[in-house]
Amino acid sequence: MRELIEEFNSGKGLKAVLEYDTEKDIYIMTVYKGDEKIVFSGNMVEIQKQAERFFVKSLKSLKNKMEIALLEDLYNR
């Protein structure tokens, strides 16, 4: 059985839900962004590490896409 710990909604379409699974004795954090759903589970330290790795990778990917767009723009001038 899952117990709701906290639910967060941002004004930018991001939703995060933190629950505690009493049967498995773990926390579950689900992040919704548009059609995407990302689930992290474990103890709080494990969830923080998983989320950090995911969001760092996402930011690096975004940075790379921005750099590519900038280079394409400069090339097209």
N, C-alpha and C. Protein backbone atom coordinates (compact mmCIF):
# COMPACT_ATOMS: atom_id res chain seq x y z
N MET A 1 0.84 -1.18 0.00
CA MET A 1 0.00 0.00 0.00
C MET A 1 0.88 1.24 0.00
N ARG A 2 0.52 2.21 -0.79
CA ARG A 2 1.30 3.45 -0.88
C ARG A 2 0.63 4.57 -0.10
N GLU A 3 1.46 5.30 0.63
CA GLU A 3 0.98 6.48 1.36
C GLU A 3 1.54 7.72 0.66
N LEU A 4 0.67 8.69 0.37
CA LEU A 4 1.11 9.94 -0.25
C LEU A 4 1.84 10.78 0.79
N ILE A 5 3.07 11.16 0.47
CA ILE A 5 3.87 12.01 1.35
C ILE A 5 3.69 13.47 0.93
N GLU A 6 3.91 13.72 -0.37
CA GLU A 6 3.80 15.09 -0.87
C GLU A 6 3.55 15.08 -2.37
N GLU A 7 2.83 16.09 -2.83
CA GLU A 7 2.57 16.27 -4.25
C GLU A 7 2.86 17.72 -4.60
N PHE A 8 3.59 17.92 -5.69
CA PHE A 8 4.00 19.25 -6.10
C PHE A 8 3.61 19.47 -7.55
N ASN A 9 2.98 20.61 -7.83
CA ASN A 9 2.64 21.02 -9.20
C ASN A 9 3.26 22.37 -9.47
N SER A 10 4.02 22.46 -10.56
CA SER A 10 4.57 23.76 -10.94
C SER A 10 3.66 24.39 -11.97
N GLY A 11 3.83 25.65 -12.20
CA GLY A 11 3.05 26.35 -13.20
C GLY A 11 3.52 26.07 -14.61
N LYS A 12 4.60 25.30 -14.75
CA LYS A 12 5.20 25.05 -16.06
C LYS A 12 4.96 23.62 -16.55
N GLY A 13 3.97 22.93 -15.98
CA GLY A 13 3.64 21.59 -16.45
C GLY A 13 4.43 20.46 -15.82
N LEU A 14 5.09 20.72 -14.72
CA LEU A 14 5.86 19.70 -14.02
C LEU A 14 5.11 19.30 -12.76
N LYS A 15 5.01 17.99 -12.55
CA LYS A 15 4.33 17.48 -11.36
C LYS A 15 5.21 16.40 -10.74
N ALA A 16 5.38 16.44 -9.43
CA ALA A 16 6.16 15.44 -8.71
C ALA A 16 5.32 14.89 -7.57
N VAL A 17 5.35 13.57 -7.42
CA VAL A 17 4.59 12.90 -6.36
C VAL A 17 5.57 12.02 -5.58
N LEU A 18 5.61 12.21 -4.27
CA LEU A 18 6.44 11.38 -3.40
C LEU A 18 5.53 10.52 -2.55
N GLU A 19 5.76 9.21 -2.62
CA GLU A 19 4.94 8.25 -1.88
C GLU A 19 5.84 7.29 -1.11
N TYR A 20 5.27 6.64 -0.11
CA TYR A 20 5.98 5.62 0.65
C TYR A 20 5.23 4.30 0.50
N ASP A 21 5.92 3.27 0.00
CA ASP A 21 5.32 1.95 -0.16
C ASP A 21 5.57 1.17 1.12
N THR A 22 4.51 0.97 1.91
CA THR A 22 4.65 0.32 3.22
C THR A 22 4.96 -1.17 3.08
N GLU A 23 4.53 -1.80 2.00
CA GLU A 23 4.79 -3.22 1.81
C GLU A 23 6.25 -3.49 1.45
N LYS A 24 6.82 -2.65 0.59
CA LYS A 24 8.21 -2.82 0.15
C LYS A 24 9.19 -2.01 0.99
N ASP A 25 8.69 -1.12 1.84
CA ASP A 25 9.51 -0.27 2.70
C ASP A 25 10.47 0.62 1.89
N ILE A 26 9.92 1.22 0.81
CA ILE A 26 10.70 2.13 -0.03
C ILE A 26 9.89 3.38 -0.35
N TYR A 27 10.62 4.43 -0.73
CA TYR A 27 9.99 5.66 -1.22
C TYR A 27 9.93 5.58 -2.75
N ILE A 28 8.90 6.19 -3.31
CA ILE A 28 8.74 6.25 -4.76
C ILE A 28 8.45 7.69 -5.14
N MET A 29 9.28 8.23 -6.01
CA MET A 29 9.06 9.59 -6.51
C MET A 29 8.77 9.49 -8.00
N THR A 30 7.61 10.00 -8.39
CA THR A 30 7.21 9.99 -9.79
C THR A 30 7.16 11.43 -10.27
N VAL A 31 7.84 11.69 -11.39
CA VAL A 31 7.88 13.02 -11.97
C VAL A 31 7.18 12.96 -13.32
N TYR A 32 6.20 13.84 -13.51
CA TYR A 32 5.46 13.93 -14.76
C TYR A 32 5.81 15.25 -15.44
N LYS A 33 6.14 15.16 -16.72
CA LYS A 33 6.39 16.37 -17.51
C LYS A 33 5.79 16.12 -18.88
N GLY A 34 4.67 16.76 -19.13
CA GLY A 34 3.96 16.52 -20.38
C GLY A 34 3.53 15.07 -20.46
N ASP A 35 3.96 14.38 -21.51
CA ASP A 35 3.62 12.97 -21.68
C ASP A 35 4.63 12.05 -21.01
N GLU A 36 5.72 12.60 -20.51
CA GLU A 36 6.77 11.80 -19.88
C GLU A 36 6.44 11.48 -18.43
N LYS A 37 6.88 10.30 -18.01
CA LYS A 37 6.72 9.88 -16.62
C LYS A 37 8.03 9.20 -16.21
N ILE A 38 8.69 9.73 -15.18
CA ILE A 38 9.94 9.19 -14.69
C ILE A 38 9.72 8.75 -13.26
N VAL A 39 10.14 7.52 -12.94
CA VAL A 39 9.93 6.97 -11.60
C VAL A 39 11.28 6.66 -10.97
N PHE A 40 11.48 7.16 -9.76
CA PHE A 40 12.67 6.88 -8.95
C PHE A 40 12.19 6.15 -7.70
N SER A 41 12.95 5.12 -7.26
CA SER A 41 12.52 4.41 -6.06
C SER A 41 13.72 3.98 -5.24
N GLY A 42 13.49 3.78 -3.95
CA GLY A 42 14.53 3.38 -3.01
C GLY A 42 14.42 4.21 -1.75
N ASN A 43 15.52 4.26 -0.99
CA ASN A 43 15.50 5.15 0.17
C ASN A 43 15.75 6.57 -0.33
N MET A 44 15.66 7.55 0.54
CA MET A 44 15.74 8.95 0.11
C MET A 44 17.09 9.28 -0.53
N VAL A 45 18.17 8.72 -0.02
CA VAL A 45 19.50 8.98 -0.59
C VAL A 45 19.58 8.41 -2.01
N GLU A 46 19.07 7.19 -2.20
CA GLU A 46 19.09 6.57 -3.53
C GLU A 46 18.26 7.38 -4.52
N ILE A 47 17.10 7.85 -4.09
CA ILE A 47 16.25 8.66 -4.97
C ILE A 47 16.96 9.95 -5.35
N GLN A 48 17.60 10.59 -4.40
CA GLN A 48 18.32 11.83 -4.70
C GLN A 48 19.43 11.59 -5.72
N LYS A 49 20.17 10.49 -5.58
CA LYS A 49 21.24 10.18 -6.52
C LYS A 49 20.69 9.88 -7.91
N GLN A 50 19.61 9.09 -7.97
CA GLN A 50 19.00 8.76 -9.26
C GLN A 50 18.49 10.03 -9.96
N ALA A 51 17.80 10.87 -9.20
CA ALA A 51 17.25 12.10 -9.78
C ALA A 51 18.36 13.04 -10.23
N GLU A 52 19.41 13.14 -9.43
CA GLU A 52 20.53 14.00 -9.81
C GLU A 52 21.15 13.55 -11.11
N ARG A 53 21.40 12.25 -11.25
CA ARG A 53 21.98 11.73 -12.50
C ARG A 53 21.05 12.00 -13.68
N PHE A 54 19.75 11.78 -13.50
CA PHE A 54 18.80 12.00 -14.58
C PHE A 54 18.77 13.46 -15.01
N PHE A 55 18.67 14.38 -14.04
CA PHE A 55 18.55 15.79 -14.38
C PHE A 55 19.86 16.37 -14.91
N VAL A 56 21.00 15.89 -14.44
CA VAL A 56 22.29 16.34 -14.98
C VAL A 56 22.39 15.91 -16.45
N LYS A 57 22.00 14.66 -16.74
CA LYS A 57 22.02 14.20 -18.14
C LYS A 57 21.06 15.03 -18.99
N SER A 58 19.88 15.35 -18.45
CA SER A 58 18.91 16.16 -19.20
C SER A 58 19.46 17.55 -19.49
N LEU A 59 20.12 18.15 -18.50
CA LEU A 59 20.69 19.49 -18.70
C LEU A 59 21.83 19.46 -19.71
N LYS A 60 22.65 18.42 -19.67
CA LYS A 60 23.75 18.29 -20.64
C LYS A 60 23.19 18.13 -22.05
N SER A 61 22.13 17.35 -22.18
CA SER A 61 21.50 17.16 -23.48
C SER A 61 20.93 18.47 -24.00
N LEU A 62 20.26 19.22 -23.12
CA LEU A 62 19.70 20.51 -23.51
C LEU A 62 20.81 21.47 -23.93
N LYS A 63 21.90 21.50 -23.18
CA LYS A 63 23.03 22.37 -23.50
C LYS A 63 23.60 22.00 -24.88
N ASN A 64 23.75 20.71 -25.15
CA ASN A 64 24.26 20.27 -26.45
C ASN A 64 23.33 20.70 -27.58
N LYS A 65 22.02 20.56 -27.38
CA LYS A 65 21.06 20.96 -28.41
C LYS A 65 21.13 22.46 -28.66
N MET A 66 21.31 23.25 -27.60
CA MET A 66 21.41 24.70 -27.76
C MET A 66 22.68 25.07 -28.51
N GLU A 67 23.79 24.39 -28.20
CA GLU A 67 25.05 24.67 -28.89
C GLU A 67 24.95 24.30 -30.37
N ILE A 68 24.31 23.20 -30.67
CA ILE A 68 24.13 22.79 -32.07
C ILE A 68 23.27 23.81 -32.81
N ALA A 69 22.20 24.26 -32.20
CA ALA A 69 21.32 25.26 -32.83
C ALA A 69 22.09 26.56 -33.07
N LEU A 70 22.92 26.96 -32.11
CA LEU A 70 23.71 28.18 -32.26
C LEU A 70 24.72 28.03 -33.40
N LEU A 71 25.39 26.90 -33.48
CA LEU A 71 26.34 26.66 -34.56
C LEU A 71 25.64 26.63 -35.92
N GLU A 72 24.47 26.02 -35.98
CA GLU A 72 23.72 25.99 -37.25
C GLU A 72 23.32 27.40 -37.66
N ASP A 73 22.91 28.21 -36.67
CA ASP A 73 22.53 29.59 -36.94
C ASP A 73 23.73 30.37 -37.47
N LEU A 74 24.88 30.20 -36.84
CA LEU A 74 26.09 30.90 -37.29
C LEU A 74 26.49 30.44 -38.68
N TYR A 75 26.36 29.16 -38.96
CA TYR A 75 26.71 28.60 -40.27
C TYR A 75 25.79 29.16 -41.36
N ASN A 76 24.52 29.32 -41.04
CA ASN A 76 23.54 29.79 -42.03
C ASN A 76 23.65 31.28 -42.32
N ARG A 77 24.39 32.01 -41.54
CA ARG A 77 24.53 33.46 -41.78
C ARG A 77 25.44 33.72 -42.89
